[in-house]
């Protein structure tokens, strides 16, 4: 299981780079292991060429218990998310350009513009700016973690939670695509979310719980 997760995290890192959701050594990914520890990407390495053996295993206190190197500086954010959400099995933190651009502009997140936004993303929270790599980041996310799978970090990036690495990654990809759709719609003059009744209909059709029922 651990080897499969290592492979999935490295593959996800390459997809993030290929989709221009991160660059250089940006971003970080993690997954929960069965024994109560976590796999996390190391600090300072590009995700484009990350190998499974370079991932670190850390405990709930953030201590490295397997592997060589230093874990991502955003490890406290990951650990806080896992503590708040026992259902989360994987996390992806990236820097989606268009989605982050909305926070730089101080624009309201456009909401459920298309069915995949409602089904894949759910409500998107926008956390206030916090200095990256500090305890401010998990503190800024704390109010939003219980009820959101996708959180935008103002002027920083986004955090996506999932039951699998693929689900967390898919949410990050969808977040940026919805942001791009919103940008085009705004340029064309009109950007309105789906009516709530339609959102509930879409969720029912997809076998999802009604909005607000976690």
N, C-alpha and C. Protein backbone atom coordinates (compact mmCIF):
# COMPACT_ATOMS: atom_id res chain seq x y z
N UNK A 1 0.83 -1.21 0.00
CA UNK A 1 0.00 0.00 0.00
C UNK A 1 0.87 1.26 0.00
N UNK A 2 1.92 1.24 0.84
CA UNK A 2 2.80 2.40 0.92
C UNK A 2 3.45 2.69 -0.43
N UNK A 3 3.90 1.62 -1.13
CA UNK A 3 4.57 1.81 -2.42
C UNK A 3 3.60 2.38 -3.45
N UNK A 4 2.34 1.92 -3.42
CA UNK A 4 1.34 2.44 -4.35
C UNK A 4 1.08 3.92 -4.10
N UNK A 5 1.03 4.30 -2.82
CA UNK A 5 0.83 5.70 -2.48
C UNK A 5 2.02 6.56 -2.90
N UNK A 6 3.20 6.04 -2.72
CA UNK A 6 4.39 6.78 -3.14
C UNK A 6 4.36 7.04 -4.65
N UNK A 7 4.01 6.01 -5.39
CA UNK A 7 3.93 6.14 -6.84
C UNK A 7 2.85 7.14 -7.24
N UNK A 8 1.70 7.07 -6.57
CA UNK A 8 0.59 7.98 -6.89
C UNK A 8 0.95 9.43 -6.59
N UNK A 9 1.63 9.68 -5.48
CA UNK A 9 2.02 11.04 -5.13
C UNK A 9 3.01 11.61 -6.14
N UNK A 10 3.96 10.80 -6.57
CA UNK A 10 4.95 11.27 -7.55
C UNK A 10 4.29 11.54 -8.90
N UNK A 11 3.37 10.67 -9.30
CA UNK A 11 2.65 10.87 -10.55
C UNK A 11 1.80 12.14 -10.48
N UNK A 12 1.18 12.38 -9.32
CA UNK A 12 0.38 13.60 -9.14
C UNK A 12 1.25 14.84 -9.23
N UNK A 13 2.45 14.77 -8.67
CA UNK A 13 3.37 15.90 -8.76
C UNK A 13 3.71 16.24 -10.20
N UNK A 14 3.94 15.21 -11.01
CA UNK A 14 4.24 15.44 -12.42
C UNK A 14 3.06 16.04 -13.16
N UNK A 15 1.85 15.60 -12.82
CA UNK A 15 0.65 16.19 -13.44
C UNK A 15 0.48 17.65 -13.07
N UNK A 16 0.79 17.99 -11.82
CA UNK A 16 0.68 19.38 -11.39
C UNK A 16 1.63 20.27 -12.19
N UNK A 17 2.85 19.79 -12.40
CA UNK A 17 3.82 20.56 -13.17
C UNK A 17 3.37 20.67 -14.63
N UNK A 18 2.93 19.56 -15.21
CA UNK A 18 2.51 19.55 -16.61
C UNK A 18 1.34 20.49 -16.86
N UNK A 19 0.47 20.63 -15.86
CA UNK A 19 -0.70 21.50 -15.99
C UNK A 19 -0.43 22.94 -15.58
N UNK A 20 0.84 23.26 -15.26
CA UNK A 20 1.24 24.60 -14.83
C UNK A 20 0.53 25.02 -13.54
N UNK A 21 0.25 24.06 -12.71
CA UNK A 21 -0.34 24.36 -11.40
C UNK A 21 0.73 24.61 -10.35
N UNK A 22 1.96 24.19 -10.64
CA UNK A 22 3.12 24.52 -9.83
C UNK A 22 4.32 24.66 -10.76
N UNK A 23 5.36 25.31 -10.26
CA UNK A 23 6.62 25.41 -11.00
C UNK A 23 7.78 25.35 -10.02
N UNK A 24 8.99 25.22 -10.57
CA UNK A 24 10.19 25.15 -9.74
C UNK A 24 9.99 24.08 -8.65
N UNK A 25 10.23 24.43 -7.39
CA UNK A 25 10.06 23.45 -6.30
C UNK A 25 8.76 23.71 -5.53
N UNK A 26 7.83 24.41 -6.17
CA UNK A 26 6.57 24.78 -5.49
C UNK A 26 5.71 23.56 -5.19
N UNK A 27 4.70 23.78 -4.35
CA UNK A 27 3.68 22.79 -4.07
C UNK A 27 4.15 21.70 -3.13
N UNK A 28 3.19 20.99 -2.58
CA UNK A 28 3.48 19.85 -1.73
C UNK A 28 2.29 18.92 -1.68
N UNK A 29 2.58 17.65 -1.51
CA UNK A 29 1.54 16.62 -1.51
C UNK A 29 1.78 15.68 -0.34
N UNK A 30 0.72 15.04 0.11
CA UNK A 30 0.86 14.09 1.22
C UNK A 30 -0.25 13.06 1.15
N UNK A 31 -0.05 11.98 1.90
CA UNK A 31 -1.07 10.93 2.00
C UNK A 31 -0.98 10.30 3.38
N UNK A 32 -2.13 9.86 3.87
CA UNK A 32 -2.20 9.23 5.19
C UNK A 32 -1.90 7.73 5.06
N UNK A 33 -1.06 7.22 5.93
CA UNK A 33 -0.74 5.80 5.96
C UNK A 33 -1.56 5.10 7.05
N UNK A 34 -1.72 3.80 6.90
CA UNK A 34 -2.58 3.04 7.80
C UNK A 34 -2.11 3.07 9.25
N UNK A 35 -0.82 3.18 9.49
CA UNK A 35 -0.31 3.13 10.85
C UNK A 35 -0.35 4.44 11.61
N UNK A 36 -0.98 5.47 11.04
CA UNK A 36 -1.06 6.75 11.72
C UNK A 36 0.05 7.71 11.36
N UNK A 37 0.87 7.34 10.37
CA UNK A 37 1.90 8.25 9.88
C UNK A 37 1.49 8.76 8.50
N UNK A 38 2.34 9.61 7.92
CA UNK A 38 1.99 10.26 6.67
C UNK A 38 3.19 10.30 5.73
N UNK A 39 2.91 10.18 4.43
CA UNK A 39 3.93 10.42 3.42
C UNK A 39 3.82 11.88 3.00
N UNK A 40 4.95 12.54 2.82
CA UNK A 40 4.94 13.95 2.43
C UNK A 40 6.11 14.22 1.50
N UNK A 41 5.91 15.15 0.58
CA UNK A 41 7.00 15.50 -0.32
C UNK A 41 8.07 16.28 0.42
N UNK A 42 9.33 16.13 0.00
CA UNK A 42 10.42 16.85 0.66
C UNK A 42 10.49 18.30 0.21
N UNK A 43 11.18 19.09 0.98
CA UNK A 43 11.34 20.51 0.67
C UNK A 43 12.42 20.71 -0.38
N UNK A 44 12.20 21.67 -1.27
CA UNK A 44 13.25 22.11 -2.19
C UNK A 44 13.45 21.28 -3.43
N UNK A 45 12.61 20.28 -3.69
CA UNK A 45 12.76 19.44 -4.87
C UNK A 45 11.60 19.65 -5.83
N UNK A 46 11.91 19.70 -7.11
CA UNK A 46 10.86 19.82 -8.13
C UNK A 46 10.00 18.57 -8.15
N UNK A 47 8.71 18.75 -8.28
CA UNK A 47 7.79 17.61 -8.36
C UNK A 47 7.83 16.97 -9.75
N UNK A 48 8.52 17.60 -10.70
CA UNK A 48 8.58 17.07 -12.06
C UNK A 48 9.40 15.79 -12.13
N UNK A 49 10.35 15.62 -11.23
CA UNK A 49 11.23 14.47 -11.30
C UNK A 49 11.33 13.75 -9.96
N UNK A 50 10.34 13.92 -9.11
CA UNK A 50 10.37 13.32 -7.78
C UNK A 50 10.23 11.80 -7.87
N UNK A 51 11.06 11.08 -7.15
CA UNK A 51 11.04 9.63 -7.14
C UNK A 51 10.38 9.13 -5.85
N UNK A 52 9.69 7.97 -5.90
CA UNK A 52 9.01 7.45 -4.70
C UNK A 52 9.91 7.36 -3.47
N UNK A 53 11.16 7.00 -3.65
CA UNK A 53 12.05 6.86 -2.51
C UNK A 53 12.45 8.17 -1.87
N UNK A 54 12.16 9.29 -2.53
CA UNK A 54 12.50 10.60 -1.96
C UNK A 54 11.41 11.13 -1.03
N UNK A 55 10.24 10.51 -1.04
CA UNK A 55 9.18 10.93 -0.14
C UNK A 55 9.56 10.59 1.30
N UNK A 56 9.12 11.43 2.22
CA UNK A 56 9.42 11.22 3.64
C UNK A 56 8.20 10.70 4.36
N UNK A 57 8.45 9.92 5.40
CA UNK A 57 7.37 9.48 6.29
C UNK A 57 7.51 10.24 7.60
N UNK A 58 6.40 10.85 8.03
CA UNK A 58 6.42 11.64 9.26
C UNK A 58 5.30 11.17 10.18
N UNK A 59 5.48 11.44 11.48
CA UNK A 59 4.42 11.10 12.42
C UNK A 59 3.50 12.30 12.62
N UNK A 60 2.50 12.16 13.48
CA UNK A 60 1.49 13.21 13.67
C UNK A 60 2.07 14.47 14.29
N UNK A 61 3.27 14.37 14.87
CA UNK A 61 3.93 15.54 15.44
C UNK A 61 4.86 16.20 14.43
N UNK A 62 4.96 15.62 13.24
CA UNK A 62 5.81 16.19 12.21
C UNK A 62 7.24 15.71 12.22
N UNK A 63 7.54 14.70 13.04
CA UNK A 63 8.89 14.17 13.10
C UNK A 63 9.12 13.15 11.98
N UNK A 64 10.26 13.24 11.33
CA UNK A 64 10.59 12.31 10.25
C UNK A 64 10.91 10.94 10.85
N UNK A 65 10.18 9.93 10.40
CA UNK A 65 10.40 8.57 10.89
C UNK A 65 10.87 7.65 9.76
N UNK A 66 10.96 8.20 8.56
CA UNK A 66 11.42 7.40 7.43
C UNK A 66 11.86 8.30 6.29
N UNK A 67 13.03 8.00 5.72
CA UNK A 67 13.53 8.79 4.62
C UNK A 67 14.56 9.81 5.07
N UNK A 68 15.23 10.40 4.09
CA UNK A 68 16.28 11.38 4.37
C UNK A 68 15.90 12.72 3.77
N UNK A 69 16.14 13.79 4.51
CA UNK A 69 15.83 15.11 4.02
C UNK A 69 14.88 15.85 4.94
N UNK A 70 14.44 16.99 4.48
CA UNK A 70 13.57 17.85 5.28
C UNK A 70 12.19 17.89 4.64
N UNK A 71 11.12 17.68 5.42
CA UNK A 71 9.78 17.72 4.83
C UNK A 71 9.40 19.13 4.39
N UNK A 72 8.39 19.21 3.58
CA UNK A 72 7.88 20.49 3.10
C UNK A 72 7.66 21.46 4.26
N UNK A 73 7.94 22.74 4.01
CA UNK A 73 7.72 23.76 5.04
C UNK A 73 6.24 23.90 5.38
N UNK A 74 5.37 23.40 4.49
CA UNK A 74 3.94 23.49 4.75
C UNK A 74 3.40 22.23 5.44
N UNK A 75 4.29 21.40 5.99
CA UNK A 75 3.84 20.21 6.69
C UNK A 75 2.84 20.51 7.80
N UNK A 76 3.00 21.59 8.61
CA UNK A 76 1.99 21.87 9.64
C UNK A 76 0.59 22.06 9.06
N UNK A 77 0.49 22.63 7.86
CA UNK A 77 -0.81 22.78 7.21
C UNK A 77 -1.41 21.41 6.92
N UNK A 78 -0.61 20.50 6.41
CA UNK A 78 -1.10 19.15 6.11
C UNK A 78 -1.54 18.44 7.38
N UNK A 79 -0.72 18.50 8.42
CA UNK A 79 -1.06 17.81 9.66
C UNK A 79 -2.32 18.37 10.30
N UNK A 80 -2.50 19.69 10.23
CA UNK A 80 -3.70 20.31 10.77
C UNK A 80 -4.94 19.84 10.01
N UNK A 81 -4.80 19.71 8.69
CA UNK A 81 -5.93 19.26 7.88
C UNK A 81 -6.29 17.82 8.20
N UNK A 82 -5.29 16.97 8.35
CA UNK A 82 -5.57 15.57 8.70
C UNK A 82 -6.21 15.46 10.07
N UNK A 83 -5.77 16.28 11.01
CA UNK A 83 -6.35 16.23 12.36
C UNK A 83 -7.80 16.68 12.35
N UNK A 84 -8.11 17.67 11.53
CA UNK A 84 -9.48 18.20 11.47
C UNK A 84 -10.41 17.31 10.64
N UNK A 85 -9.82 16.56 9.72
CA UNK A 85 -10.62 15.76 8.79
C UNK A 85 -10.14 14.31 8.74
N UNK A 86 -10.61 13.48 9.67
CA UNK A 86 -10.21 12.07 9.67
C UNK A 86 -10.55 11.34 8.36
N UNK A 87 -11.49 11.89 7.59
CA UNK A 87 -11.87 11.26 6.32
C UNK A 87 -10.90 11.58 5.20
N UNK A 88 -10.05 12.59 5.37
CA UNK A 88 -9.10 12.97 4.33
C UNK A 88 -7.93 11.98 4.33
N UNK A 89 -7.67 11.43 3.16
CA UNK A 89 -6.58 10.46 3.03
C UNK A 89 -5.42 11.00 2.20
N UNK A 90 -5.65 12.11 1.51
CA UNK A 90 -4.59 12.71 0.70
C UNK A 90 -4.84 14.20 0.55
N UNK A 91 -3.75 14.96 0.44
CA UNK A 91 -3.83 16.41 0.30
C UNK A 91 -2.92 16.87 -0.83
N UNK A 92 -3.39 17.86 -1.57
CA UNK A 92 -2.58 18.48 -2.63
C UNK A 92 -2.60 19.98 -2.42
N UNK A 93 -1.41 20.57 -2.34
CA UNK A 93 -1.29 22.03 -2.25
C UNK A 93 -0.54 22.50 -3.48
N UNK A 94 -1.16 23.40 -4.24
CA UNK A 94 -0.55 23.91 -5.46
C UNK A 94 -0.84 25.40 -5.58
N UNK A 95 -0.37 25.99 -6.70
CA UNK A 95 -0.52 27.42 -6.93
C UNK A 95 -1.24 27.68 -8.25
N UNK A 96 -2.52 27.32 -8.34
CA UNK A 96 -3.27 27.51 -9.59
C UNK A 96 -3.38 29.00 -9.95
N UNK A 97 -2.85 29.37 -11.08
CA UNK A 97 -2.67 30.78 -11.42
C UNK A 97 -3.98 31.57 -11.46
N UNK A 98 -4.95 31.07 -12.20
CA UNK A 98 -6.20 31.81 -12.35
C UNK A 98 -6.98 31.87 -11.04
N UNK A 99 -7.06 30.74 -10.35
CA UNK A 99 -7.79 30.71 -9.09
C UNK A 99 -7.17 31.64 -8.07
N UNK A 100 -5.84 31.63 -7.97
CA UNK A 100 -5.17 32.54 -7.04
C UNK A 100 -5.35 33.98 -7.48
N UNK A 101 -5.41 34.20 -8.80
CA UNK A 101 -5.64 35.54 -9.31
C UNK A 101 -6.93 36.16 -8.77
N UNK A 102 -7.96 35.34 -8.58
CA UNK A 102 -9.20 35.85 -8.00
C UNK A 102 -8.96 36.41 -6.61
N UNK A 103 -8.10 35.75 -5.83
CA UNK A 103 -7.84 36.24 -4.47
C UNK A 103 -6.98 37.50 -4.49
N UNK A 104 -6.06 37.61 -5.47
CA UNK A 104 -5.24 38.80 -5.59
C UNK A 104 -6.11 40.01 -5.94
N UNK A 105 -7.09 39.76 -6.78
CA UNK A 105 -8.00 40.84 -7.20
C UNK A 105 -9.04 41.17 -6.13
N UNK A 106 -9.11 40.32 -5.09
CA UNK A 106 -10.14 40.52 -4.07
C UNK A 106 -11.53 40.19 -4.59
N UNK A 107 -11.58 39.37 -5.67
CA UNK A 107 -12.87 39.00 -6.27
C UNK A 107 -13.49 37.84 -5.52
N UNK A 108 -14.79 37.81 -5.48
CA UNK A 108 -15.53 36.72 -4.84
C UNK A 108 -15.41 35.47 -5.70
N UNK A 109 -15.18 34.33 -5.06
CA UNK A 109 -15.15 33.08 -5.83
C UNK A 109 -16.49 32.90 -6.53
N UNK A 110 -16.50 32.55 -7.83
CA UNK A 110 -17.75 32.56 -8.61
C UNK A 110 -18.75 31.49 -8.24
N UNK A 111 -18.36 30.46 -7.51
CA UNK A 111 -19.32 29.47 -7.06
C UNK A 111 -19.58 28.37 -8.07
N UNK A 112 -20.75 27.78 -8.01
CA UNK A 112 -21.11 26.61 -8.83
C UNK A 112 -21.50 27.05 -10.24
N UNK A 113 -20.52 27.35 -11.06
CA UNK A 113 -20.81 27.82 -12.41
C UNK A 113 -21.28 26.69 -13.32
N UNK A 114 -20.71 25.51 -13.11
CA UNK A 114 -20.99 24.35 -13.96
C UNK A 114 -21.18 23.13 -13.05
N UNK A 115 -21.82 22.07 -13.57
CA UNK A 115 -22.07 20.91 -12.71
C UNK A 115 -20.83 20.35 -12.03
N UNK A 116 -19.67 20.30 -12.74
CA UNK A 116 -18.48 19.72 -12.11
C UNK A 116 -17.98 20.54 -10.93
N UNK A 117 -18.30 21.83 -10.92
CA UNK A 117 -17.93 22.64 -9.76
C UNK A 117 -18.71 22.19 -8.54
N UNK A 118 -19.99 21.94 -8.71
CA UNK A 118 -20.82 21.50 -7.59
C UNK A 118 -20.43 20.10 -7.12
N UNK A 119 -20.20 19.18 -8.08
CA UNK A 119 -19.96 17.78 -7.75
C UNK A 119 -18.54 17.55 -7.26
N UNK A 120 -17.56 18.13 -7.93
CA UNK A 120 -16.16 17.85 -7.63
C UNK A 120 -15.60 18.75 -6.54
N UNK A 121 -15.95 20.03 -6.59
CA UNK A 121 -15.36 20.99 -5.65
C UNK A 121 -16.18 21.16 -4.39
N UNK A 122 -17.50 21.25 -4.54
CA UNK A 122 -18.34 21.65 -3.41
C UNK A 122 -18.11 23.12 -3.12
N UNK A 123 -18.55 23.61 -1.98
CA UNK A 123 -18.31 25.02 -1.64
C UNK A 123 -16.80 25.27 -1.50
N UNK A 124 -16.33 26.32 -2.13
CA UNK A 124 -14.91 26.68 -2.06
C UNK A 124 -14.74 27.80 -1.05
N UNK A 125 -13.90 27.58 -0.04
CA UNK A 125 -13.62 28.61 0.96
C UNK A 125 -12.42 29.44 0.53
N UNK A 126 -12.38 30.68 1.00
CA UNK A 126 -11.23 31.55 0.74
C UNK A 126 -10.67 32.00 2.09
N UNK A 127 -9.49 31.48 2.43
CA UNK A 127 -8.86 31.81 3.72
C UNK A 127 -8.06 33.10 3.58
N UNK A 128 -7.98 33.89 4.64
CA UNK A 128 -7.21 35.13 4.57
C UNK A 128 -5.73 34.88 4.39
N UNK A 129 -5.01 35.90 3.97
CA UNK A 129 -3.58 35.74 3.75
C UNK A 129 -2.87 35.34 5.04
N UNK A 130 -1.94 34.41 4.89
CA UNK A 130 -1.08 33.97 5.99
C UNK A 130 0.31 33.75 5.42
N UNK A 131 1.33 34.08 6.18
CA UNK A 131 2.70 33.96 5.71
C UNK A 131 3.04 32.49 5.46
N UNK A 132 3.40 32.14 4.23
CA UNK A 132 3.71 30.74 3.92
C UNK A 132 4.82 30.18 4.81
N UNK A 133 4.65 28.91 5.16
CA UNK A 133 5.66 28.23 5.96
C UNK A 133 5.64 28.55 7.43
N UNK A 134 4.61 29.28 7.88
CA UNK A 134 4.50 29.62 9.30
C UNK A 134 3.23 29.01 9.89
N UNK A 135 3.11 29.13 11.22
CA UNK A 135 1.92 28.62 11.91
C UNK A 135 0.67 29.42 11.55
N UNK A 136 0.86 30.58 10.91
CA UNK A 136 -0.30 31.37 10.48
C UNK A 136 -1.15 30.59 9.47
N UNK A 137 -0.51 29.76 8.65
CA UNK A 137 -1.25 29.07 7.59
C UNK A 137 -2.27 28.09 8.15
N UNK A 138 -1.87 27.12 8.99
CA UNK A 138 -2.91 26.24 9.54
C UNK A 138 -3.95 26.98 10.36
N UNK A 139 -3.54 28.05 11.04
CA UNK A 139 -4.52 28.82 11.82
C UNK A 139 -5.54 29.48 10.90
N UNK A 140 -5.09 29.97 9.75
CA UNK A 140 -6.02 30.64 8.83
C UNK A 140 -6.99 29.65 8.19
N UNK A 141 -6.59 28.39 8.09
CA UNK A 141 -7.44 27.37 7.47
C UNK A 141 -8.41 26.73 8.45
N UNK A 142 -8.09 26.80 9.72
CA UNK A 142 -8.83 26.08 10.76
C UNK A 142 -10.35 26.24 10.68
N UNK A 143 -10.89 27.45 10.47
CA UNK A 143 -12.35 27.57 10.45
C UNK A 143 -13.01 26.89 9.25
N UNK A 144 -12.24 26.64 8.20
CA UNK A 144 -12.82 26.14 6.95
C UNK A 144 -12.65 24.64 6.74
N UNK A 145 -11.70 24.04 7.42
CA UNK A 145 -11.40 22.64 7.18
C UNK A 145 -12.58 21.69 7.43
N UNK A 146 -13.38 21.88 8.49
CA UNK A 146 -14.44 20.90 8.73
C UNK A 146 -15.47 20.80 7.61
N UNK A 147 -15.73 21.88 6.90
CA UNK A 147 -16.82 21.87 5.92
C UNK A 147 -16.42 22.06 4.48
N UNK A 148 -15.12 22.02 4.18
CA UNK A 148 -14.69 22.27 2.80
C UNK A 148 -13.60 21.29 2.38
N UNK A 149 -13.71 20.83 1.14
CA UNK A 149 -12.68 19.99 0.55
C UNK A 149 -11.70 20.81 -0.28
N UNK A 150 -12.06 22.04 -0.57
CA UNK A 150 -11.22 22.93 -1.38
C UNK A 150 -11.15 24.29 -0.69
N UNK A 151 -9.93 24.74 -0.43
CA UNK A 151 -9.73 26.03 0.22
C UNK A 151 -8.70 26.83 -0.57
N UNK A 152 -9.07 28.03 -0.95
CA UNK A 152 -8.12 28.95 -1.57
C UNK A 152 -7.39 29.71 -0.48
N UNK A 153 -6.08 29.81 -0.61
CA UNK A 153 -5.26 30.56 0.33
C UNK A 153 -4.93 31.89 -0.35
N UNK A 154 -5.44 32.97 0.18
CA UNK A 154 -5.29 34.27 -0.46
C UNK A 154 -3.83 34.58 -0.78
N UNK A 155 -3.59 34.94 -2.06
CA UNK A 155 -2.27 35.32 -2.57
C UNK A 155 -1.21 34.23 -2.38
N UNK A 156 -1.66 33.00 -2.28
CA UNK A 156 -0.71 31.91 -1.99
C UNK A 156 -0.97 30.70 -2.87
N UNK A 157 -2.12 30.08 -2.75
CA UNK A 157 -2.37 28.87 -3.50
C UNK A 157 -3.70 28.27 -3.14
N UNK A 158 -3.77 26.95 -3.17
CA UNK A 158 -4.99 26.25 -2.81
C UNK A 158 -4.64 24.93 -2.16
N UNK A 159 -5.53 24.45 -1.31
CA UNK A 159 -5.40 23.15 -0.66
C UNK A 159 -6.63 22.33 -1.00
N UNK A 160 -6.40 21.13 -1.53
CA UNK A 160 -7.50 20.24 -1.86
C UNK A 160 -7.36 18.93 -1.09
N UNK A 161 -8.44 18.49 -0.49
CA UNK A 161 -8.48 17.26 0.29
C UNK A 161 -9.20 16.19 -0.52
N UNK A 162 -8.85 14.93 -0.29
CA UNK A 162 -9.53 13.85 -0.99
C UNK A 162 -9.45 12.54 -0.25
N UNK A 163 -10.33 11.62 -0.65
CA UNK A 163 -10.29 10.27 -0.10
C UNK A 163 -9.17 9.46 -0.75
N UNK A 164 -8.67 9.97 -1.87
CA UNK A 164 -7.54 9.36 -2.57
C UNK A 164 -6.66 10.49 -3.12
N UNK A 165 -5.45 10.13 -3.54
CA UNK A 165 -4.58 11.12 -4.19
C UNK A 165 -5.24 11.63 -5.45
N UNK A 166 -5.85 10.73 -6.22
CA UNK A 166 -6.50 11.11 -7.48
C UNK A 166 -7.64 12.10 -7.23
N UNK A 167 -8.41 11.88 -6.17
CA UNK A 167 -9.53 12.79 -5.89
C UNK A 167 -9.02 14.18 -5.51
N UNK A 168 -8.01 14.24 -4.66
CA UNK A 168 -7.46 15.54 -4.27
C UNK A 168 -6.87 16.26 -5.47
N UNK A 169 -6.14 15.54 -6.31
CA UNK A 169 -5.56 16.13 -7.51
C UNK A 169 -6.64 16.58 -8.48
N UNK A 170 -7.66 15.77 -8.66
CA UNK A 170 -8.76 16.14 -9.55
C UNK A 170 -9.45 17.42 -9.11
N UNK A 171 -9.57 17.60 -7.81
CA UNK A 171 -10.17 18.83 -7.31
C UNK A 171 -9.31 20.04 -7.64
N UNK A 172 -7.99 19.88 -7.55
CA UNK A 172 -7.11 21.00 -7.88
C UNK A 172 -7.22 21.35 -9.36
N UNK A 173 -7.25 20.34 -10.20
CA UNK A 173 -7.37 20.58 -11.65
C UNK A 173 -8.71 21.24 -11.97
N UNK A 174 -9.77 20.76 -11.34
CA UNK A 174 -11.10 21.33 -11.59
C UNK A 174 -11.19 22.76 -11.08
N UNK A 175 -10.58 23.03 -9.94
CA UNK A 175 -10.59 24.39 -9.39
C UNK A 175 -10.04 25.39 -10.41
N UNK A 176 -8.91 25.05 -11.00
CA UNK A 176 -8.30 25.97 -11.97
C UNK A 176 -9.14 26.07 -13.24
N UNK A 177 -9.73 24.98 -13.69
CA UNK A 177 -10.57 25.03 -14.90
C UNK A 177 -11.80 25.89 -14.66
N UNK A 178 -12.42 25.77 -13.49
CA UNK A 178 -13.59 26.59 -13.19
C UNK A 178 -13.19 28.06 -13.10
N UNK A 179 -12.03 28.34 -12.52
CA UNK A 179 -11.55 29.72 -12.45
C UNK A 179 -11.34 30.29 -13.85
N UNK A 180 -10.80 29.48 -14.74
CA UNK A 180 -10.59 29.94 -16.11
C UNK A 180 -11.92 30.19 -16.82
N UNK A 181 -12.91 29.32 -16.58
CA UNK A 181 -14.24 29.54 -17.14
C UNK A 181 -14.83 30.86 -16.64
N UNK A 182 -14.65 31.11 -15.34
CA UNK A 182 -15.17 32.33 -14.74
C UNK A 182 -14.52 33.56 -15.36
N UNK A 183 -13.21 33.47 -15.58
CA UNK A 183 -12.48 34.60 -16.17
C UNK A 183 -12.99 34.91 -17.57
N UNK A 184 -13.23 33.86 -18.36
CA UNK A 184 -13.77 34.05 -19.71
C UNK A 184 -15.17 34.64 -19.65
N UNK A 185 -16.00 34.09 -18.75
CA UNK A 185 -17.37 34.60 -18.62
C UNK A 185 -17.39 36.07 -18.20
N UNK A 186 -16.50 36.43 -17.28
CA UNK A 186 -16.43 37.83 -16.85
C UNK A 186 -15.99 38.73 -18.00
N UNK A 187 -15.06 38.24 -18.81
CA UNK A 187 -14.60 39.02 -19.95
C UNK A 187 -15.71 39.22 -20.98
N UNK A 188 -16.60 38.22 -21.05
CA UNK A 188 -17.73 38.31 -21.97
C UNK A 188 -18.90 39.09 -21.39
N UNK A 189 -18.82 39.41 -20.10
CA UNK A 189 -19.80 40.31 -19.51
C UNK A 189 -20.77 39.74 -18.51
N UNK A 190 -20.77 38.39 -18.31
CA UNK A 190 -21.75 37.82 -17.38
C UNK A 190 -21.22 36.53 -16.77
N UNK A 191 -21.25 36.43 -15.45
CA UNK A 191 -20.75 35.24 -14.75
C UNK A 191 -21.65 34.99 -13.55
N UNK A 192 -22.59 34.06 -13.72
CA UNK A 192 -23.54 33.78 -12.65
C UNK A 192 -23.53 32.30 -12.30
N UNK A 193 -23.57 31.96 -11.02
CA UNK A 193 -23.60 30.54 -10.63
C UNK A 193 -24.93 29.90 -10.97
N UNK A 194 -24.94 28.58 -10.99
CA UNK A 194 -26.18 27.84 -11.18
C UNK A 194 -27.13 28.14 -10.02
N UNK A 195 -28.45 28.20 -10.27
CA UNK A 195 -29.41 28.35 -9.17
C UNK A 195 -29.28 27.20 -8.18
N UNK A 196 -29.53 27.46 -6.92
CA UNK A 196 -29.36 26.44 -5.88
C UNK A 196 -30.20 25.19 -6.15
N UNK A 197 -31.40 25.37 -6.68
CA UNK A 197 -32.25 24.22 -6.98
C UNK A 197 -31.60 23.30 -8.01
N UNK A 198 -30.94 23.90 -8.99
CA UNK A 198 -30.25 23.12 -10.02
C UNK A 198 -29.04 22.41 -9.41
N UNK A 199 -28.34 23.10 -8.52
CA UNK A 199 -27.18 22.49 -7.85
C UNK A 199 -27.62 21.24 -7.10
N UNK A 200 -28.72 21.33 -6.36
CA UNK A 200 -29.20 20.17 -5.60
C UNK A 200 -29.60 19.03 -6.54
N UNK A 201 -30.17 19.38 -7.69
CA UNK A 201 -30.56 18.39 -8.69
C UNK A 201 -29.31 17.68 -9.23
N UNK A 202 -28.29 18.46 -9.52
CA UNK A 202 -27.03 17.92 -10.02
C UNK A 202 -26.40 16.98 -8.99
N UNK A 203 -26.42 17.38 -7.73
CA UNK A 203 -25.84 16.56 -6.67
C UNK A 203 -26.61 15.24 -6.53
N UNK A 204 -27.92 15.30 -6.60
CA UNK A 204 -28.73 14.07 -6.52
C UNK A 204 -28.40 13.13 -7.66
N UNK A 205 -28.29 13.68 -8.87
CA UNK A 205 -27.99 12.87 -10.05
C UNK A 205 -26.62 12.20 -9.94
N UNK A 206 -25.70 12.86 -9.24
CA UNK A 206 -24.35 12.33 -9.09
C UNK A 206 -24.23 11.44 -7.85
N UNK A 207 -25.34 11.26 -7.13
CA UNK A 207 -25.31 10.42 -5.94
C UNK A 207 -24.63 11.07 -4.76
N UNK A 208 -24.59 12.41 -4.76
CA UNK A 208 -23.94 13.15 -3.68
C UNK A 208 -24.97 13.60 -2.66
N UNK A 209 -24.52 13.83 -1.43
CA UNK A 209 -25.40 14.32 -0.37
C UNK A 209 -25.81 15.76 -0.68
N UNK A 210 -26.98 16.18 -0.20
CA UNK A 210 -27.40 17.57 -0.40
C UNK A 210 -26.37 18.52 0.18
N UNK A 211 -26.29 19.71 -0.37
CA UNK A 211 -25.34 20.70 0.09
C UNK A 211 -25.54 21.00 1.59
N UNK A 212 -24.48 20.98 2.34
CA UNK A 212 -24.57 21.27 3.76
C UNK A 212 -24.70 20.03 4.62
N UNK A 213 -24.92 18.87 3.98
CA UNK A 213 -25.06 17.63 4.77
C UNK A 213 -23.77 16.84 4.69
N UNK A 214 -22.87 17.07 5.63
CA UNK A 214 -21.60 16.32 5.63
C UNK A 214 -21.73 15.14 6.58
